[in-house]
Amino acid sequence: MNTQTSWHSRRAVLGVIGAGAMITLGALSATHDGGGSASMLAGSGDAPANTTYSSPVVKAADMGATATWEAPSNVEATTMAVPAVKAGH
């Protein structure tokens, strides 16, 4: 079998499948009912649509204490860490 002919026949089959998928998609979208009314209004939570909206009340975040104040130490900070040397090794 010639590879050129094989490629063209595969391409034709894929084209037919793609065209069929597009036709099916078009038919499904044409017959699909959106299910909603044309004029939707926002209600408050689960309240009916024609009620007055009331914004939810959210209390401020409470992070708690993250730092405590201590007087500074009289010892100077270490400038270089040096491990302790054990005697006898």
C-alpha atoms as a PDB file:
ATOM      1  CA  MET A   1       0.000   0.000   0.000  1.00  0.00           C
ATOM      2  CA  ASN A   2       1.274   3.426  -0.868  1.00  0.00           C
ATOM      3  CA  THR A   3       1.924   5.619   2.227  1.00  0.00           C
ATOM      4  CA  GLN A   4       0.625   8.685   0.409  1.00  0.00           C
ATOM      5  CA  THR A   5      -2.711   6.963  -0.283  1.00  0.00           C
ATOM      6  CA  SER A   6      -2.863   5.685   3.295  1.00  0.00           C
ATOM      7  CA  TRP A   7      -2.341   9.202   4.650  1.00  0.00           C
ATOM      8  CA  HIS A   8      -5.070  10.633   2.429  1.00  0.00           C
ATOM      9  CA  SER A   9      -7.587   7.953   3.430  1.00  0.00           C
ATOM     10  CA  ARG A  10      -6.851   8.478   7.147  1.00  0.00           C
ATOM     11  CA  ARG A  11      -7.202  12.204   6.654  1.00  0.00           C
ATOM     12  CA  ALA A  12     -10.555  11.730   4.912  1.00  0.00           C
ATOM     13  CA  VAL A  13     -11.846   9.499   7.719  1.00  0.00           C
ATOM     14  CA  LEU A  14     -10.760  12.020  10.357  1.00  0.00           C
ATOM     15  CA  GLY A  15     -12.414  14.805   8.361  1.00  0.00           C
ATOM     16  CA  VAL A  16     -15.713  12.901   8.221  1.00  0.00           C
ATOM     17  CA  ILE A  17     -15.559  12.191  11.980  1.00  0.00           C
ATOM     18  CA  GLY A  18     -14.789  15.863  12.722  1.00  0.00           C
ATOM     19  CA  ALA A  19     -17.601  17.090  10.503  1.00  0.00           C
ATOM     20  CA  GLY A  20     -20.026  14.694  12.180  1.00  0.00           C
ATOM     21  CA  ALA A  21     -18.937  15.931  15.615  1.00  0.00           C
ATOM     22  CA  MET A  22     -19.493  19.552  14.603  1.00  0.00           C
ATOM     23  CA  ILE A  23     -22.951  18.783  13.198  1.00  0.00           C
ATOM     24  CA  THR A  24     -23.867  16.929  16.410  1.00  0.00           C
ATOM     25  CA  LEU A  25     -22.597  19.810  18.538  1.00  0.00           C
ATOM     26  CA  GLY A  26     -24.614  22.301  16.516  1.00  0.00           C
ATOM     27  CA  ALA A  27     -27.781  20.214  16.811  1.00  0.00           C
ATOM     28  CA  LEU A  28     -27.354  19.790  20.568  1.00  0.00           C
ATOM     29  CA  SER A  29     -26.742  23.485  21.166  1.00  0.00           C
ATOM     30  CA  ALA A  30     -29.746  24.453  19.023  1.00  0.00           C
ATOM     31  CA  THR A  31     -32.094  22.177  20.950  1.00  0.00           C
ATOM     32  CA  HIS A  32     -30.672  22.862  24.414  1.00  0.00           C
ATOM     33  CA  ASP A  33     -32.888  24.857  26.766  1.00  0.00           C
ATOM     34  CA  GLY A  34     -30.930  27.279  28.966  1.00  0.00           C
ATOM     35  CA  GLY A  35     -33.313  26.667  31.852  1.00  0.00           C
ATOM     36  CA  GLY A  36     -33.260  30.221  33.214  1.00  0.00           C
ATOM     37  CA  SER A  37     -35.400  33.258  32.716  1.00  0.00           C
ATOM     38  CA  ALA A  38     -34.168  36.180  30.641  1.00  0.00           C
ATOM     39  CA  SER A  39     -34.292  38.626  33.564  1.00  0.00           C
ATOM     40  CA  MET A  40     -32.482  37.199  36.556  1.00  0.00           C
ATOM     41  CA  LEU A  41     -32.260  39.214  39.761  1.00  0.00           C
ATOM     42  CA  ALA A  42     -29.895  38.656  42.653  1.00  0.00           C
ATOM     43  CA  GLY A  43     -31.523  37.725  45.937  1.00  0.00           C
ATOM     44  CA  SER A  44     -29.920  37.607  49.370  1.00  0.00           C
ATOM     45  CA  GLY A  45     -28.537  34.115  49.867  1.00  0.00           C
ATOM     46  CA  ASP A  46     -31.362  31.663  49.290  1.00  0.00           C
ATOM     47  CA  ALA A  47     -34.075  34.323  49.435  1.00  0.00           C
ATOM     48  CA  PRO A  48     -36.499  34.835  46.557  1.00  0.00           C
ATOM     49  CA  ALA A  49     -35.261  36.967  43.677  1.00  0.00           C
ATOM     50  CA  ASN A  50     -37.580  39.950  44.214  1.00  0.00           C
ATOM     51  CA  THR A  51     -36.426  40.730  47.765  1.00  0.00           C
ATOM     52  CA  THR A  52     -34.060  43.457  48.980  1.00  0.00           C
ATOM     53  CA  TYR A  53     -30.419  42.467  48.987  1.00  0.00           C
ATOM     54  CA  SER A  54     -28.654  42.613  52.345  1.00  0.00           C
ATOM     55  CA  SER A  55     -24.907  42.234  52.333  1.00  0.00           C
ATOM     56  CA  PRO A  56     -23.503  39.555  54.665  1.00  0.00           C
ATOM     57  CA  VAL A  57     -21.752  40.795  57.805  1.00  0.00           C
ATOM     58  CA  VAL A  58     -18.217  39.497  58.210  1.00  0.00           C
ATOM     59  CA  LYS A  59     -16.330  40.203  61.418  1.00  0.00           C
ATOM     60  CA  ALA A  60     -12.716  41.319  61.226  1.00  0.00           C
ATOM     61  CA  ALA A  61     -10.011  38.677  61.369  1.00  0.00           C
ATOM     62  CA  ASP A  62      -8.493  38.032  64.798  1.00  0.00           C
ATOM     63  CA  MET A  63      -4.883  36.947  64.375  1.00  0.00           C
ATOM     64  CA  GLY A  64      -4.022  37.015  68.090  1.00  0.00           C
ATOM     65  CA  ALA A  65      -0.713  38.186  69.529  1.00  0.00           C
ATOM     66  CA  THR A  66       2.189  37.372  67.222  1.00  0.00           C
ATOM     67  CA  ALA A  67       5.020  39.032  69.174  1.00  0.00           C
ATOM     68  CA  THR A  68       5.727  39.976  72.764  1.00  0.00           C
ATOM     69  CA  TRP A  69       7.943  42.777  73.985  1.00  0.00           C
ATOM     70  CA  GLU A  70      11.023  41.929  76.072  1.00  0.00           C
ATOM     71  CA  ALA A  71      13.847  44.148  77.211  1.00  0.00           C
ATOM     72  CA  PRO A  72      16.985  43.682  75.127  1.00  0.00           C
ATOM     73  CA  SER A  73      19.651  41.345  76.495  1.00  0.00           C
ATOM     74  CA  ASN A  74      22.989  42.658  77.822  1.00  0.00           C
ATOM     75  CA  VAL A  75      24.868  39.881  75.981  1.00  0.00           C
ATOM     76  CA  GLU A  76      26.166  40.814  72.543  1.00  0.00           C
ATOM     77  CA  ALA A  77      25.046  38.808  69.556  1.00  0.00           C
ATOM     78  CA  THR A  78      27.369  36.037  68.345  1.00  0.00           C
ATOM     79  CA  THR A  79      29.249  37.117  65.239  1.00  0.00           C
ATOM     80  CA  MET A  80      30.357  33.607  64.192  1.00  0.00           C
ATOM     81  CA  ALA A  81      29.111  30.194  65.314  1.00  0.00           C
ATOM     82  CA  VAL A  82      31.914  27.894  66.529  1.00  0.00           C
ATOM     83  CA  PRO A  83      31.146  24.314  67.562  1.00  0.00           C
ATOM     84  CA  ALA A  84      32.360  23.142  70.953  1.00  0.00           C
ATOM     85  CA  VAL A  85      35.470  20.924  70.841  1.00  0.00           C
ATOM     86  CA  LYS A  86      35.321  17.732  72.907  1.00  0.00           C
ATOM     87  CA  ALA A  87      38.508  16.825  74.768  1.00  0.00           C
ATOM     88  CA  GLY A  88      40.165  13.497  73.976  1.00  0.00           C
ATOM     89  CA  HIS A  89      39.050  13.120  70.369  1.00  0.00           C
END
